[in-house]
Amino acid sequence: MEIEPSVVFTIPLFGGIPITMTVVVEWIIMAVLIVAAVVVTKGWKLVPEGTQNVVELMVEGFNKFVEGALGEHWRDYTPYLGTVAAFLILANTISIFGLTPPTKDISTTSALAIMSITIVIIASIRARGFKGYVKYFFKSPINLFVNVLDLFTRPLSLAARLFGNIFAAVTIMELIERAVPIVIPAVFSLYFDLFDGLLQMLVFVFLTMLYIEEAIE
């Protein structure tokens, strides 16, 4: 089991920019999402039907889910949360198609965690104003300590939780595939590759949403 992603090729710029398998798979996921968005939304009608109806029901359900937590502020943060959810659905379950999940790489989960905490900080500044945010941040020595600690522990927790669970699932599946016949791994794949991947997406999005909710209170 390799922890460090392998280098697929190197871009001959600035002394060589290594492109790892993680980056390649992320590009594939982004391409799939972009193409899917273009294809699915092409020719939409005022009265939804078929695929459009299914997509709109999914989007509406997600919007209500976010609105239940963020109230009137849901419109500001649903695009980010929805994008992260769509990316993680593919990123966490792409091993079904024989590719290595990019979330098995700590650099990917760290980047996602940093983006989420940045959104949380922006949400807090928008809710309190810059002066109000600074005043809240430096309210007392204890408050300052807790807030500074949060800036490090929350993204660390988000990144480590997602990375740890996906890495463990991939490792277990590789061990199963080496130890038992082909039919049994297919059964376990339903949990480790599919269910667990979707569960980790929900956990990451829910925690990010919870942090935003705390920031705008």
Protein backbone atom coordinates (compact mmCIF):
# COMPACT_ATOMS: atom_id res chain seq x y z
CA MET A 1 0.00 0.00 0.00
CA GLU A 2 1.49 3.31 -1.13
CA ILE A 3 0.74 6.40 0.92
CA GLU A 4 2.45 8.90 -1.37
CA PRO A 5 0.70 9.27 -4.76
CA SER A 6 2.78 8.25 -7.77
CA VAL A 7 3.95 10.87 -10.28
CA VAL A 8 2.25 10.32 -13.65
CA PHE A 9 4.17 12.93 -15.65
CA THR A 10 6.10 16.16 -15.18
CA ILE A 11 5.31 19.52 -16.76
CA PRO A 12 8.61 20.99 -18.03
CA LEU A 13 8.16 24.40 -16.41
CA PHE A 14 9.93 26.08 -13.49
CA GLY A 15 12.32 23.19 -13.13
CA GLY A 16 9.61 20.58 -13.55
CA ILE A 17 6.12 20.41 -12.02
CA PRO A 18 5.26 16.82 -10.99
CA ILE A 19 1.66 15.80 -11.69
CA THR A 20 0.60 12.99 -9.40
CA MET A 21 -2.16 10.44 -9.85
CA THR A 22 -4.19 12.41 -7.30
CA VAL A 23 -4.17 15.49 -9.54
CA VAL A 24 -5.00 13.44 -12.65
CA VAL A 25 -8.02 11.84 -10.96
CA GLU A 26 -9.15 15.26 -9.69
CA TRP A 27 -9.00 16.57 -13.25
CA ILE A 28 -11.08 13.62 -14.40
CA ILE A 29 -13.66 14.31 -11.69
CA MET A 30 -13.82 18.01 -12.56
CA ALA A 31 -14.23 17.17 -16.25
CA VAL A 32 -17.03 14.70 -15.48
CA LEU A 33 -18.86 17.27 -13.32
CA ILE A 34 -18.53 20.02 -15.93
CA VAL A 35 -19.68 17.80 -18.80
CA ALA A 36 -22.54 16.41 -16.68
CA ALA A 37 -23.67 19.93 -15.77
CA VAL A 38 -23.66 21.01 -19.42
CA VAL A 39 -25.43 17.89 -20.67
CA VAL A 40 -28.03 17.71 -17.91
CA THR A 41 -28.98 21.41 -18.07
CA LYS A 42 -29.09 21.60 -21.88
CA GLY A 43 -32.54 22.32 -23.21
CA TRP A 44 -34.24 22.73 -19.83
CA LYS A 45 -37.89 23.72 -19.94
CA LEU A 46 -40.06 25.89 -17.73
CA VAL A 47 -42.09 22.82 -16.76
CA PRO A 48 -39.58 20.12 -15.72
CA GLU A 49 -39.83 16.59 -17.02
CA GLY A 50 -37.65 13.50 -17.15
CA THR A 51 -34.04 14.07 -16.08
CA GLN A 52 -34.68 17.74 -15.36
CA ASN A 53 -37.38 16.80 -12.88
CA VAL A 54 -35.05 14.39 -11.03
CA VAL A 55 -32.20 16.93 -10.90
CA GLU A 56 -34.48 19.70 -9.66
CA LEU A 57 -35.86 17.45 -6.93
CA MET A 58 -32.31 16.62 -5.79
CA VAL A 59 -31.26 20.28 -5.80
CA GLU A 60 -34.43 21.34 -3.99
CA GLY A 61 -33.91 18.65 -1.36
CA PHE A 62 -30.33 19.77 -0.78
CA ASN A 63 -31.41 23.42 -0.60
CA LYS A 64 -33.99 22.59 2.08
CA PHE A 65 -31.38 20.60 3.98
CA VAL A 66 -29.05 23.61 4.07
CA GLU A 67 -31.89 26.04 4.75
CA GLY A 68 -32.90 24.01 7.79
CA ALA A 69 -29.51 24.76 9.34
CA LEU A 70 -28.60 28.20 7.99
CA GLY A 71 -32.05 29.79 7.73
CA GLU A 72 -32.21 32.91 5.56
CA HIS A 73 -28.47 32.68 4.82
CA TRP A 74 -28.76 29.37 2.95
CA ARG A 75 -28.54 30.95 -0.51
CA ASP A 76 -25.08 32.36 0.24
CA TYR A 77 -23.49 29.03 1.10
CA THR A 78 -25.47 26.36 -0.74
CA PRO A 79 -23.40 26.74 -3.97
CA TYR A 80 -20.18 25.98 -2.10
CA LEU A 81 -21.65 23.16 -0.04
CA GLY A 82 -23.32 21.64 -3.11
CA THR A 83 -20.10 21.80 -5.13
CA VAL A 84 -18.11 20.13 -2.36
CA ALA A 85 -20.80 17.47 -2.02
CA ALA A 86 -20.78 16.72 -5.76
CA PHE A 87 -16.98 16.55 -5.82
CA LEU A 88 -16.79 14.26 -2.79
CA ILE A 89 -19.47 11.91 -4.12
CA LEU A 90 -17.21 11.13 -7.06
CA ALA A 91 -13.90 11.51 -5.22
CA ASN A 92 -14.86 9.09 -2.44
CA THR A 93 -16.46 6.44 -4.64
CA ILE A 94 -14.32 6.55 -7.78
CA SER A 95 -12.46 3.41 -6.68
CA ILE A 96 -15.51 1.53 -8.01
CA PHE A 97 -14.19 2.41 -11.47
CA GLY A 98 -10.68 1.25 -10.67
CA LEU A 99 -9.21 4.68 -9.90
CA THR A 100 -7.56 5.76 -6.66
CA PRO A 101 -9.73 8.19 -4.66
CA PRO A 102 -8.02 11.60 -4.45
CA THR A 103 -9.32 11.88 -0.88
CA LYS A 104 -6.90 9.06 -0.02
CA ASP A 105 -4.27 11.82 -0.34
CA ILE A 106 -3.96 14.09 2.71
CA SER A 107 -3.16 17.04 0.44
CA THR A 108 -6.63 16.85 -1.12
CA THR A 109 -8.51 16.63 2.17
CA SER A 110 -6.33 19.41 3.62
CA ALA A 111 -7.17 21.69 0.68
CA LEU A 112 -10.88 21.00 1.12
CA ALA A 113 -10.63 21.64 4.87
CA ILE A 114 -8.79 24.94 4.37
CA MET A 115 -11.42 26.08 1.86
CA SER A 116 -14.20 25.20 4.30
CA ILE A 117 -12.61 27.06 7.20
CA THR A 118 -12.02 30.05 4.93
CA ILE A 119 -15.74 30.05 4.10
CA VAL A 120 -16.51 29.86 7.83
CA ILE A 121 -14.30 32.89 8.53
CA ILE A 122 -15.92 34.82 5.68
CA ALA A 123 -19.37 33.89 7.02
CA SER A 124 -18.46 35.19 10.47
CA ILE A 125 -17.12 38.48 9.05
CA ARG A 126 -20.23 38.94 6.92
CA ALA A 127 -22.51 38.29 9.90
CA ARG A 128 -20.64 40.47 12.41
CA GLY A 129 -18.79 42.94 10.21
CA PHE A 130 -15.00 43.11 10.22
CA LYS A 131 -14.81 45.14 13.43
CA GLY A 132 -17.36 42.90 15.10
CA TYR A 133 -15.40 39.81 14.06
CA VAL A 134 -12.15 41.22 15.43
CA LYS A 135 -13.92 42.25 18.63
CA TYR A 136 -15.42 38.77 18.98
CA PHE A 137 -12.06 37.15 18.22
CA PHE A 138 -10.24 39.18 20.88
CA LYS A 139 -13.13 39.34 23.34
CA SER A 140 -11.04 37.89 26.17
CA PRO A 141 -7.78 35.97 26.58
CA ILE A 142 -9.71 32.72 26.89
CA ASN A 143 -11.84 33.58 23.86
CA LEU A 144 -8.71 34.43 21.88
CA PHE A 145 -7.11 31.12 22.83
CA VAL A 146 -10.21 29.14 21.87
CA ASN A 147 -10.64 30.97 18.55
CA VAL A 148 -7.00 30.53 17.58
CA LEU A 149 -7.22 26.87 18.54
CA ASP A 150 -10.32 26.49 16.37
CA LEU A 151 -8.48 27.86 13.36
CA PHE A 152 -6.07 24.93 13.58
CA THR A 153 -8.10 22.09 15.08
CA ARG A 154 -11.18 22.38 12.88
CA PRO A 155 -9.44 22.09 9.50
CA LEU A 156 -7.13 19.45 10.95
CA SER A 157 -10.14 17.48 12.14
CA LEU A 158 -11.95 17.81 8.80
CA ALA A 159 -8.89 16.80 6.80
CA ALA A 160 -7.78 13.94 9.05
CA ARG A 161 -11.28 12.45 9.41
CA LEU A 162 -11.94 12.35 5.67
CA PHE A 163 -8.44 11.15 4.79
CA GLY A 164 -8.39 8.51 7.52
CA ASN A 165 -11.71 6.96 6.60
CA ILE A 166 -11.09 6.86 2.86
CA PHE A 167 -7.52 5.58 3.30
CA ALA A 168 -8.76 2.86 5.64
CA ALA A 169 -11.54 1.83 3.23
CA VAL A 170 -9.15 1.62 0.27
CA THR A 171 -6.63 -0.35 2.32
CA ILE A 172 -9.24 -2.84 3.55
CA MET A 173 -10.58 -3.34 0.02
CA GLU A 174 -7.08 -4.02 -1.32
CA LEU A 175 -6.48 -6.60 1.40
CA ILE A 176 -9.82 -8.29 0.70
CA GLU A 177 -9.15 -8.39 -3.03
CA ARG A 178 -5.81 -10.11 -2.42
CA ALA A 179 -7.15 -12.62 0.08
CA VAL A 180 -10.50 -13.85 -1.28
CA PRO A 181 -12.19 -14.64 -4.62
CA ILE A 182 -13.51 -11.93 -6.89
CA VAL A 183 -17.19 -12.25 -5.90
CA ILE A 184 -16.66 -11.43 -2.22
CA PRO A 185 -14.76 -8.14 -2.81
CA ALA A 186 -17.67 -6.98 -4.97
CA VAL A 187 -20.01 -7.41 -1.99
CA PHE A 188 -17.69 -5.57 0.42
CA SER A 189 -17.23 -2.85 -2.19
CA LEU A 190 -20.86 -1.84 -1.74
CA TYR A 191 -19.95 -0.72 1.78
CA PHE A 192 -16.32 0.40 1.67
CA ASP A 193 -16.35 1.99 -1.79
CA LEU A 194 -19.93 3.21 -2.03
CA PHE A 195 -21.75 3.54 1.31
CA ASP A 196 -18.71 4.67 3.31
CA GLY A 197 -17.74 7.14 0.59
CA LEU A 198 -21.20 8.71 0.59
CA LEU A 199 -21.24 8.73 4.39
CA GLN A 200 -17.93 10.59 4.57
CA MET A 201 -19.25 13.14 2.08
CA LEU A 202 -22.26 13.76 4.31
CA VAL A 203 -20.07 14.09 7.41
CA PHE A 204 -17.73 16.60 5.76
CA VAL A 205 -20.57 18.72 4.36
CA PHE A 206 -22.58 18.55 7.58
CA LEU A 207 -19.62 19.63 9.75
CA THR A 208 -18.82 22.50 7.38
CA MET A 209 -22.45 23.58 7.50
CA LEU A 210 -22.43 23.32 11.30
CA TYR A 211 -19.34 25.54 11.51
CA ILE A 212 -20.98 28.10 9.22
CA GLU A 213 -24.12 28.03 11.38
CA GLU A 214 -22.04 28.76 14.49
CA ALA A 215 -20.22 31.58 12.65
CA ILE A 216 -23.39 33.43 11.63
CA GLU A 217 -25.20 33.15 14.98
